[in-house]
C-alpha atoms as a PDB file:
ATOM      1  CA  MET A   1    -114.374 -28.543 -67.414  1.00  0.00           C
ATOM      2  CA  ASN A   2    -112.069 -31.242 -68.814  1.00  0.00           C
ATOM      3  CA  ARG A   3    -111.091 -32.193 -65.262  1.00  0.00           C
ATOM      4  CA  LEU A   4    -114.660 -32.202 -63.901  1.00  0.00           C
ATOM      5  CA  ALA A   5    -116.470 -33.775 -66.834  1.00  0.00           C
ATOM      6  CA  GLY A   6    -115.916 -37.321 -65.591  1.00  0.00           C
ATOM      7  CA  THR A   7    -118.040 -36.736 -62.501  1.00  0.00           C
ATOM      8  CA  HIS A   8    -120.115 -33.635 -63.281  1.00  0.00           C
ATOM      9  CA  ARG A   9    -122.330 -32.281 -66.010  1.00  0.00           C
ATOM     10  CA  CYS A  10    -120.587 -29.036 -66.960  1.00  0.00           C
ATOM     11  CA  VAL A  11    -122.235 -26.127 -68.782  1.00  0.00           C
ATOM     12  CA  ALA A  12    -120.329 -23.022 -69.911  1.00  0.00           C
ATOM     13  CA  PRO A  13    -122.722 -20.687 -71.709  1.00  0.00           C
ATOM     14  CA  ASP A  14    -121.637 -17.763 -73.832  1.00  0.00           C
ATOM     15  CA  ILE A  15    -122.958 -14.509 -72.432  1.00  0.00           C
ATOM     16  CA  PRO A  16    -125.269 -13.065 -75.113  1.00  0.00           C
ATOM     17  CA  GLY A  17    -123.176 -11.421 -77.805  1.00  0.00           C
ATOM     18  CA  TYR A  18    -119.893 -13.042 -76.773  1.00  0.00           C
ATOM     19  CA  GLY A  19    -118.083 -16.139 -77.997  1.00  0.00           C
ATOM     20  CA  LYS A  20    -120.114 -17.838 -80.709  1.00  0.00           C
ATOM     21  CA  SER A  21    -123.467 -16.359 -79.752  1.00  0.00           C
ATOM     22  CA  PRO A  22    -125.150 -13.820 -82.057  1.00  0.00           C
ATOM     23  CA  GLU A  23    -125.797 -10.252 -80.995  1.00  0.00           C
ATOM     24  CA  PRO A  24    -128.913 -10.194 -78.809  1.00  0.00           C
ATOM     25  CA  PRO A  25    -131.863  -7.976 -79.733  1.00  0.00           C
ATOM     26  CA  VAL A  26    -132.199  -4.461 -78.368  1.00  0.00           C
ATOM     27  CA  SER A  27    -134.742  -5.785 -75.869  1.00  0.00           C
ATOM     28  CA  PHE A  28    -131.866  -7.561 -74.116  1.00  0.00           C
ATOM     29  CA  ASP A  29    -130.411  -4.475 -72.471  1.00  0.00           C
ATOM     30  CA  TYR A  30    -127.779  -6.091 -70.203  1.00  0.00           C
ATOM     31  CA  SER A  31    -129.695  -4.927 -67.148  1.00  0.00           C
ATOM     32  CA  VAL A  32    -129.582  -7.108 -64.046  1.00  0.00           C
ATOM     33  CA  ALA A  33    -133.132  -8.285 -64.748  1.00  0.00           C
ATOM     34  CA  SER A  34    -132.276  -9.290 -68.321  1.00  0.00           C
ATOM     35  CA  GLN A  35    -129.228 -11.232 -67.203  1.00  0.00           C
ATOM     36  CA  VAL A  36    -131.120 -13.097 -64.482  1.00  0.00           C
ATOM     37  CA  ALA A  37    -133.831 -13.960 -67.008  1.00  0.00           C
ATOM     38  CA  PHE A  38    -131.181 -15.265 -69.408  1.00  0.00           C
ATOM     39  CA  VAL A  39    -129.889 -17.753 -66.827  1.00  0.00           C
ATOM     40  CA  ASP A  40    -133.435 -18.826 -65.970  1.00  0.00           C
ATOM     41  CA  GLU A  41    -134.231 -19.453 -69.633  1.00  0.00           C
ATOM     42  CA  LEU A  42    -130.899 -21.201 -70.232  1.00  0.00           C
ATOM     43  CA  LEU A  43    -131.468 -23.682 -67.424  1.00  0.00           C
ATOM     44  CA  SER A  44    -135.027 -24.234 -68.587  1.00  0.00           C
ATOM     45  CA  ALA A  45    -133.885 -24.905 -72.161  1.00  0.00           C
ATOM     46  CA  LEU A  46    -131.286 -27.391 -70.883  1.00  0.00           C
ATOM     47  CA  GLU A  47    -133.914 -29.004 -68.611  1.00  0.00           C
ATOM     48  CA  ILE A  48    -131.751 -28.459 -65.543  1.00  0.00           C
ATOM     49  CA  SER A  49    -133.995 -28.377 -62.494  1.00  0.00           C
ATOM     50  CA  GLU A  50    -131.682 -29.849 -59.846  1.00  0.00           C
ATOM     51  CA  PRO A  51    -129.455 -27.587 -57.695  1.00  0.00           C
ATOM     52  CA  VAL A  52    -126.243 -26.439 -59.324  1.00  0.00           C
ATOM     53  CA  LEU A  53    -122.700 -25.544 -58.357  1.00  0.00           C
ATOM     54  CA  LEU A  54    -122.268 -22.070 -59.835  1.00  0.00           C
ATOM     55  CA  ILE A  55    -118.783 -20.884 -60.838  1.00  0.00           C
ATOM     56  CA  VAL A  56    -118.527 -17.231 -61.848  1.00  0.00           C
ATOM     57  CA  HIS A  57    -115.728 -15.088 -63.238  1.00  0.00           C
ATOM     58  CA  ASP A  58    -115.219 -11.559 -64.614  1.00  0.00           C
ATOM     59  CA  ILE A  59    -118.445 -10.134 -66.120  1.00  0.00           C
ATOM     60  CA  GLY A  60    -119.998 -13.582 -65.741  1.00  0.00           C
ATOM     61  CA  GLY A  61    -120.035 -12.812 -62.038  1.00  0.00           C
ATOM     62  CA  VAL A  62    -122.341  -9.871 -62.649  1.00  0.00           C
ATOM     63  CA  MET A  63    -124.877 -12.239 -64.152  1.00  0.00           C
ATOM     64  CA  GLY A  64    -124.233 -15.214 -61.883  1.00  0.00           C
ATOM     65  CA  ILE A  65    -124.264 -13.406 -58.557  1.00  0.00           C
ATOM     66  CA  ALA A  66    -127.469 -11.589 -59.449  1.00  0.00           C
ATOM     67  CA  TRP A  67    -129.061 -14.928 -60.411  1.00  0.00           C
ATOM     68  CA  ALA A  68    -127.819 -16.509 -57.172  1.00  0.00           C
ATOM     69  CA  GLY A  69    -129.475 -13.699 -55.241  1.00  0.00           C
ATOM     70  CA  ALA A  70    -132.762 -14.407 -56.974  1.00  0.00           C
ATOM     71  CA  HIS A  71    -132.530 -18.206 -56.550  1.00  0.00           C
ATOM     72  CA  PRO A  72    -130.315 -19.215 -53.609  1.00  0.00           C
ATOM     73  CA  GLU A  73    -132.370 -22.366 -53.181  1.00  0.00           C
ATOM     74  CA  ARG A  74    -131.131 -23.598 -56.569  1.00  0.00           C
ATOM     75  CA  LEU A  75    -127.468 -23.607 -55.504  1.00  0.00           C
ATOM     76  CA  THR A  76    -125.405 -26.307 -53.850  1.00  0.00           C
ATOM     77  CA  ALA A  77    -122.437 -23.912 -53.659  1.00  0.00           C
ATOM     78  CA  LEU A  78    -120.983 -20.769 -55.218  1.00  0.00           C
ATOM     79  CA  LEU A  79    -117.380 -20.438 -56.400  1.00  0.00           C
ATOM     80  CA  ILE A  80    -116.197 -16.949 -57.313  1.00  0.00           C
ATOM     81  CA  THR A  81    -113.029 -16.020 -59.173  1.00  0.00           C
ATOM     82  CA  ASN A  82    -111.910 -12.479 -59.984  1.00  0.00           C
ATOM     83  CA  THR A  83    -115.104 -10.573 -60.711  1.00  0.00           C
ATOM     84  CA  VAL A  84    -116.873  -7.263 -60.036  1.00  0.00           C
ATOM     85  CA  ALA A  85    -120.026  -6.927 -57.949  1.00  0.00           C
ATOM     86  CA  PHE A  86    -119.494  -3.712 -56.003  1.00  0.00           C
ATOM     87  CA  ARG A  87    -121.287  -0.389 -56.101  1.00  0.00           C
ATOM     88  CA  ASP A  88    -118.142   1.584 -55.224  1.00  0.00           C
ATOM     89  CA  PHE A  89    -115.871  -0.192 -57.728  1.00  0.00           C
ATOM     90  CA  LYS A  90    -113.365   2.145 -59.403  1.00  0.00           C
ATOM     91  CA  TRP A  91    -113.423   1.030 -63.014  1.00  0.00           C
ATOM     92  CA  PHE A  92    -110.103   0.694 -64.819  1.00  0.00           C
ATOM     93  CA  PRO A  93    -109.604   3.396 -67.494  1.00  0.00           C
ATOM     94  CA  ILE A  94    -110.560   1.425 -70.593  1.00  0.00           C
ATOM     95  CA  ALA A  95    -113.872   0.391 -68.977  1.00  0.00           C
ATOM     96  CA  GLY A  96    -114.731   4.059 -68.607  1.00  0.00           C
ATOM     97  CA  THR A  97    -114.003   4.571 -72.290  1.00  0.00           C
ATOM     98  CA  TRP A  98    -116.188   1.616 -73.271  1.00  0.00           C
ATOM     99  CA  GLY A  99    -119.016   2.896 -71.087  1.00  0.00           C
ATOM    100  CA  ALA A 100    -119.050   6.415 -72.537  1.00  0.00           C
ATOM    101  CA  GLU A 101    -122.573   7.708 -73.237  1.00  0.00           C
ATOM    102  CA  SER A 102    -121.898  10.945 -75.164  1.00  0.00           C
ATOM    103  CA  TRP A 103    -121.787  10.767 -78.963  1.00  0.00           C
ATOM    104  CA  ILE A 104    -118.113  11.769 -78.911  1.00  0.00           C
ATOM    105  CA  GLY A 105    -117.417   9.109 -76.310  1.00  0.00           C
ATOM    106  CA  ARG A 106    -119.274   6.507 -78.357  1.00  0.00           C
ATOM    107  CA  VAL A 107    -117.301   7.380 -81.479  1.00  0.00           C
ATOM    108  CA  ARG A 108    -114.042   7.192 -79.542  1.00  0.00           C
ATOM    109  CA  ALA A 109    -115.010   3.855 -78.008  1.00  0.00           C
ATOM    110  CA  ARG A 110    -115.953   2.363 -81.380  1.00  0.00           C
ATOM    111  CA  ALA A 111    -112.722   3.627 -82.923  1.00  0.00           C
ATOM    112  CA  GLY A 112    -110.780   2.042 -80.094  1.00  0.00           C
ATOM    113  CA  MET A 113    -112.557  -1.264 -80.573  1.00  0.00           C
ATOM    114  CA  TYR A 114    -111.829  -1.141 -84.298  1.00  0.00           C
ATOM    115  CA  ALA A 115    -108.148  -0.513 -83.575  1.00  0.00           C
ATOM    116  CA  LEU A 116    -107.963  -3.631 -81.417  1.00  0.00           C
ATOM    117  CA  GLY A 117    -108.384  -5.708 -84.563  1.00  0.00           C
ATOM    118  CA  ALA A 118    -105.593  -3.976 -86.470  1.00  0.00           C
ATOM    119  CA  GLY A 119    -102.900  -6.273 -87.808  1.00  0.00           C
ATOM    120  CA  ARG A 120    -105.045  -9.323 -87.081  1.00  0.00           C
ATOM    121  CA  GLY A 121    -105.210  -8.293 -83.445  1.00  0.00           C
ATOM    122  CA  ALA A 122    -101.454  -7.750 -82.984  1.00  0.00           C
ATOM    123  CA  LEU A 123    -101.907  -4.573 -80.924  1.00  0.00           C
ATOM    124  CA  PHE A 124    -104.477  -6.185 -78.657  1.00  0.00           C
ATOM    125  CA  LYS A 125    -102.401  -9.339 -78.231  1.00  0.00           C
ATOM    126  CA  LYS A 126     -99.290  -7.383 -77.234  1.00  0.00           C
ATOM    127  CA  ALA A 127    -101.081  -5.195 -74.683  1.00  0.00           C
ATOM    128  CA  PHE A 128    -103.237  -8.013 -73.311  1.00  0.00           C
ATOM    129  CA  TRP A 129    -100.334 -10.415 -72.824  1.00  0.00           C
ATOM    130  CA  ARG A 130     -98.343  -7.697 -71.068  1.00  0.00           C
ATOM    131  CA  GLN A 131    -101.224  -7.332 -68.581  1.00  0.00           C
ATOM    132  CA  SER A 132    -101.656 -11.098 -68.185  1.00  0.00           C
ATOM    133  CA  PRO A 133     -98.186 -12.670 -68.478  1.00  0.00           C
ATOM    134  CA  GLN A 134     -99.402 -15.822 -66.701  1.00  0.00           C
ATOM    135  CA  LEU A 135    -101.327 -16.882 -69.824  1.00  0.00           C
ATOM    136  CA  THR A 136     -99.927 -19.159 -72.504  1.00  0.00           C
ATOM    137  CA  GLU A 137     -99.617 -18.006 -76.089  1.00  0.00           C
ATOM    138  CA  HIS A 138    -102.377 -20.454 -77.007  1.00  0.00           C
ATOM    139  CA  ASP A 139    -104.759 -18.786 -74.552  1.00  0.00           C
ATOM    140  CA  VAL A 140    -103.823 -15.291 -75.702  1.00  0.00           C
ATOM    141  CA  ASP A 141    -104.329 -16.258 -79.344  1.00  0.00           C
ATOM    142  CA  ARG A 142    -107.739 -17.759 -78.533  1.00  0.00           C
ATOM    143  CA  ILE A 143    -108.861 -14.666 -76.617  1.00  0.00           C
ATOM    144  CA  THR A 144    -107.600 -12.441 -79.432  1.00  0.00           C
ATOM    145  CA  ARG A 145    -109.689 -14.361 -81.948  1.00  0.00           C
ATOM    146  CA  SER A 146    -112.807 -14.467 -79.786  1.00  0.00           C
ATOM    147  CA  PHE A 147    -112.675 -10.787 -78.782  1.00  0.00           C
ATOM    148  CA  ALA A 148    -110.343  -8.498 -80.745  1.00  0.00           C
ATOM    149  CA  LEU A 149    -111.278 -10.137 -84.056  1.00  0.00           C
ATOM    150  CA  ASN A 150    -114.967 -10.594 -83.229  1.00  0.00           C
ATOM    151  CA  PRO A 151    -117.011  -7.487 -84.198  1.00  0.00           C
ATOM    152  CA  THR A 152    -120.115  -8.813 -82.461  1.00  0.00           C
ATOM    153  CA  ALA A 153    -118.326  -9.312 -79.150  1.00  0.00           C
ATOM    154  CA  LYS A 154    -116.755  -5.853 -79.326  1.00  0.00           C
ATOM    155  CA  GLY A 155    -120.076  -4.185 -80.107  1.00  0.00           C
ATOM    156  CA  CYS A 156    -121.801  -6.041 -77.283  1.00  0.00           C
ATOM    157  CA  THR A 157    -119.010  -5.093 -74.893  1.00  0.00           C
ATOM    158  CA  LEU A 158    -119.826  -1.450 -75.569  1.00  0.00           C
ATOM    159  CA  ARG A 159    -123.537  -2.116 -75.046  1.00  0.00           C
ATOM    160  CA  GLN A 160    -122.892  -3.917 -71.779  1.00  0.00           C
ATOM    161  CA  PHE A 161    -120.389  -1.447 -70.341  1.00  0.00           C
ATOM    162  CA  ARG A 162    -122.683   1.518 -71.067  1.00  0.00           C
ATOM    163  CA  THR A 163    -125.138  -0.148 -68.715  1.00  0.00           C
ATOM    164  CA  MET A 164    -122.781  -1.771 -66.231  1.00  0.00           C
ATOM    165  CA  THR A 165    -120.551   1.226 -65.454  1.00  0.00           C
ATOM    166  CA  LYS A 166    -123.455   3.410 -64.341  1.00  0.00           C
ATOM    167  CA  PRO A 167    -123.204   4.088 -60.579  1.00  0.00           C
ATOM    168  CA  GLU A 168    -126.630   2.648 -59.826  1.00  0.00           C
ATOM    169  CA  PHE A 169    -126.078  -0.648 -61.677  1.00  0.00           C
ATOM    170  CA  PHE A 170    -124.718  -2.487 -58.639  1.00  0.00           C
ATOM    171  CA  ALA A 171    -127.218  -1.046 -56.180  1.00  0.00           C
ATOM    172  CA  GLY A 172    -128.430  -3.949 -54.104  1.00  0.00           C
ATOM    173  CA  PHE A 173    -125.455  -6.226 -54.781  1.00  0.00           C
ATOM    174  CA  ALA A 174    -124.032  -5.746 -51.271  1.00  0.00           C
ATOM    175  CA  GLY A 175    -127.248  -7.158 -49.828  1.00  0.00           C
ATOM    176  CA  ILE A 176    -127.237 -10.001 -52.354  1.00  0.00           C
ATOM    177  CA  LEU A 177    -123.691 -10.963 -51.406  1.00  0.00           C
ATOM    178  CA  GLN A 178    -124.521 -10.937 -47.707  1.00  0.00           C
ATOM    179  CA  SER A 179    -127.648 -13.063 -48.076  1.00  0.00           C
ATOM    180  CA  VAL A 180    -126.292 -15.535 -50.616  1.00  0.00           C
ATOM    181  CA  THR A 181    -122.994 -16.161 -48.850  1.00  0.00           C
ATOM    182  CA  ARG A 182    -124.852 -16.678 -45.591  1.00  0.00           C
ATOM    183  CA  ALA A 183    -127.216 -19.222 -47.151  1.00  0.00           C
ATOM    184  CA  VAL A 184    -124.907 -21.007 -49.600  1.00  0.00           C
ATOM    185  CA  PRO A 185    -121.344 -22.341 -49.095  1.00  0.00           C
ATOM    186  CA  THR A 186    -119.213 -19.809 -50.983  1.00  0.00           C
ATOM    187  CA  VAL A 187    -115.508 -19.773 -51.828  1.00  0.00           C
ATOM    188  CA  VAL A 188    -113.615 -16.867 -53.362  1.00  0.00           C
ATOM    189  CA  LEU A 189    -110.527 -18.048 -55.276  1.00  0.00           C
ATOM    190  CA  TRP A 190    -108.662 -14.876 -56.190  1.00  0.00           C
ATOM    191  CA  GLY A 191    -105.586 -14.162 -58.302  1.00  0.00           C
ATOM    192  CA  ASP A 192    -103.500 -11.605 -56.422  1.00  0.00           C
ATOM    193  CA  GLN A 193    -101.812 -10.184 -59.546  1.00  0.00           C
ATOM    194  CA  ASP A 194    -105.038  -9.025 -61.199  1.00  0.00           C
ATOM    195  CA  PRO A 195    -104.449  -5.766 -63.137  1.00  0.00           C
ATOM    196  CA  TYR A 196    -108.194  -5.029 -63.363  1.00  0.00           C
ATOM    197  CA  VAL A 197    -109.758  -5.857 -59.978  1.00  0.00           C
ATOM    198  CA  PRO A 198    -107.454  -5.245 -56.969  1.00  0.00           C
ATOM    199  CA  VAL A 199    -107.045  -8.009 -54.424  1.00  0.00           C
ATOM    200  CA  ALA A 200    -108.692  -5.892 -51.710  1.00  0.00           C
ATOM    201  CA  TYR A 201    -112.040  -6.678 -53.363  1.00  0.00           C
ATOM    202  CA  ALA A 202    -111.543 -10.391 -52.708  1.00  0.00           C
ATOM    203  CA  HIS A 203    -112.579  -9.727 -49.116  1.00  0.00           C
ATOM    204  CA  CYS A 204    -115.850  -7.988 -50.037  1.00  0.00           C
ATOM    205  CA  PHE A 205    -117.979 -11.070 -50.754  1.00  0.00           C
ATOM    206  CA  GLY A 206    -119.988 -11.252 -47.553  1.00  0.00           C
ATOM    207  CA  HIS A 207    -119.413 -14.449 -45.574  1.00  0.00           C
ATOM    208  CA  ALA A 208    -117.392 -16.261 -48.256  1.00  0.00           C
ATOM    209  CA  ARG A 209    -114.197 -18.159 -47.490  1.00  0.00           C
ATOM    210  CA  VAL A 210    -111.343 -16.391 -49.298  1.00  0.00           C
ATOM    211  CA  ILE A 211    -108.301 -18.092 -50.842  1.00  0.00           C
ATOM    212  CA  LEU A 212    -105.634 -15.850 -52.372  1.00  0.00           C
ATOM    213  CA  LEU A 213    -103.366 -17.140 -55.124  1.00  0.00           C
ATOM    214  CA  PRO A 214    -100.228 -14.980 -54.849  1.00  0.00           C
ATOM    215  CA  THR A 215     -98.790 -15.649 -58.317  1.00  0.00           C
ATOM    216  CA  ALA A 216    -102.069 -15.826 -60.271  1.00  0.00           C
ATOM    217  CA  GLY A 217    -103.544 -12.976 -62.278  1.00  0.00           C
ATOM    218  CA  HIS A 218    -107.075 -12.328 -63.481  1.00  0.00           C
ATOM    219  CA  TRP A 219    -107.628 -15.574 -65.388  1.00  0.00           C
ATOM    220  CA  VAL A 220    -107.692 -18.104 -62.560  1.00  0.00           C
ATOM    221  CA  ALA A 221    -109.564 -20.828 -64.453  1.00  0.00           C
ATOM    222  CA  LEU A 222    -106.903 -20.829 -67.178  1.00  0.00           C
ATOM    223  CA  THR A 223    -103.793 -20.606 -65.027  1.00  0.00           C
ATOM    224  CA  GLU A 224    -104.889 -22.464 -61.868  1.00  0.00           C
ATOM    225  CA  PRO A 225    -107.400 -25.053 -63.117  1.00  0.00           C
ATOM    226  CA  GLN A 226    -106.566 -27.693 -60.505  1.00  0.00           C
ATOM    227  CA  ARG A 227    -107.125 -25.263 -57.638  1.00  0.00           C
ATOM    228  CA  LEU A 228    -110.509 -24.469 -59.150  1.00  0.00           C
ATOM    229  CA  VAL A 229    -111.332 -28.177 -59.400  1.00  0.00           C
ATOM    230  CA  ASP A 230    -110.175 -28.850 -55.840  1.00  0.00           C
ATOM    231  CA  GLU A 231    -112.517 -26.177 -54.471  1.00  0.00           C
ATOM    232  CA  ALA A 232    -115.381 -27.266 -56.727  1.00  0.00           C
ATOM    233  CA  LEU A 233    -115.143 -30.784 -55.342  1.00  0.00           C
END
């Protein structure tokens, strides 16, 4: 955003319950419909009616790609970095724990989330940095504060993953990806060293042009910002 702000209006919303946003009400159930409605209402509140360049990453891609499918006419282009939008996706182990529905599973998931904050997030920071060695200590510290030390974000993660890891959640996304990437110029900029979403999925975004970054991990916007800017422009 710092590199684009001179020529573009840039908006980076917090997904409800993450970052600095409060926990959303129970009526916001993290369903596809709720997430599409959130983007609609966000753009309306910001009085943005002109077409947008949409950049999506991680669970933001779940929301953004669904919104793009509902409103392809509102896009000038779509830029995708490491995200999930696939019905057959094999979730990494901790996602399965977070998405547990049984009462025992819920207790275990909450206990695990609580443990992430132990020692001011030291356990989380150590494990997270080991998975993402491309990040700087500043970035890891910031993510630790905004997630491992943020009870609201951790609680909302459990709410979202209970919905998102259900097999039927991504039903229809394959069709969305085909139609959107046929109608809208789409680039996939993918970190090859992603420990969460294997690089094979980079080639599953319909008609998108795919660029692989061999030394990048999951957090492309943080570690390869100029490549992101180059493709955005």
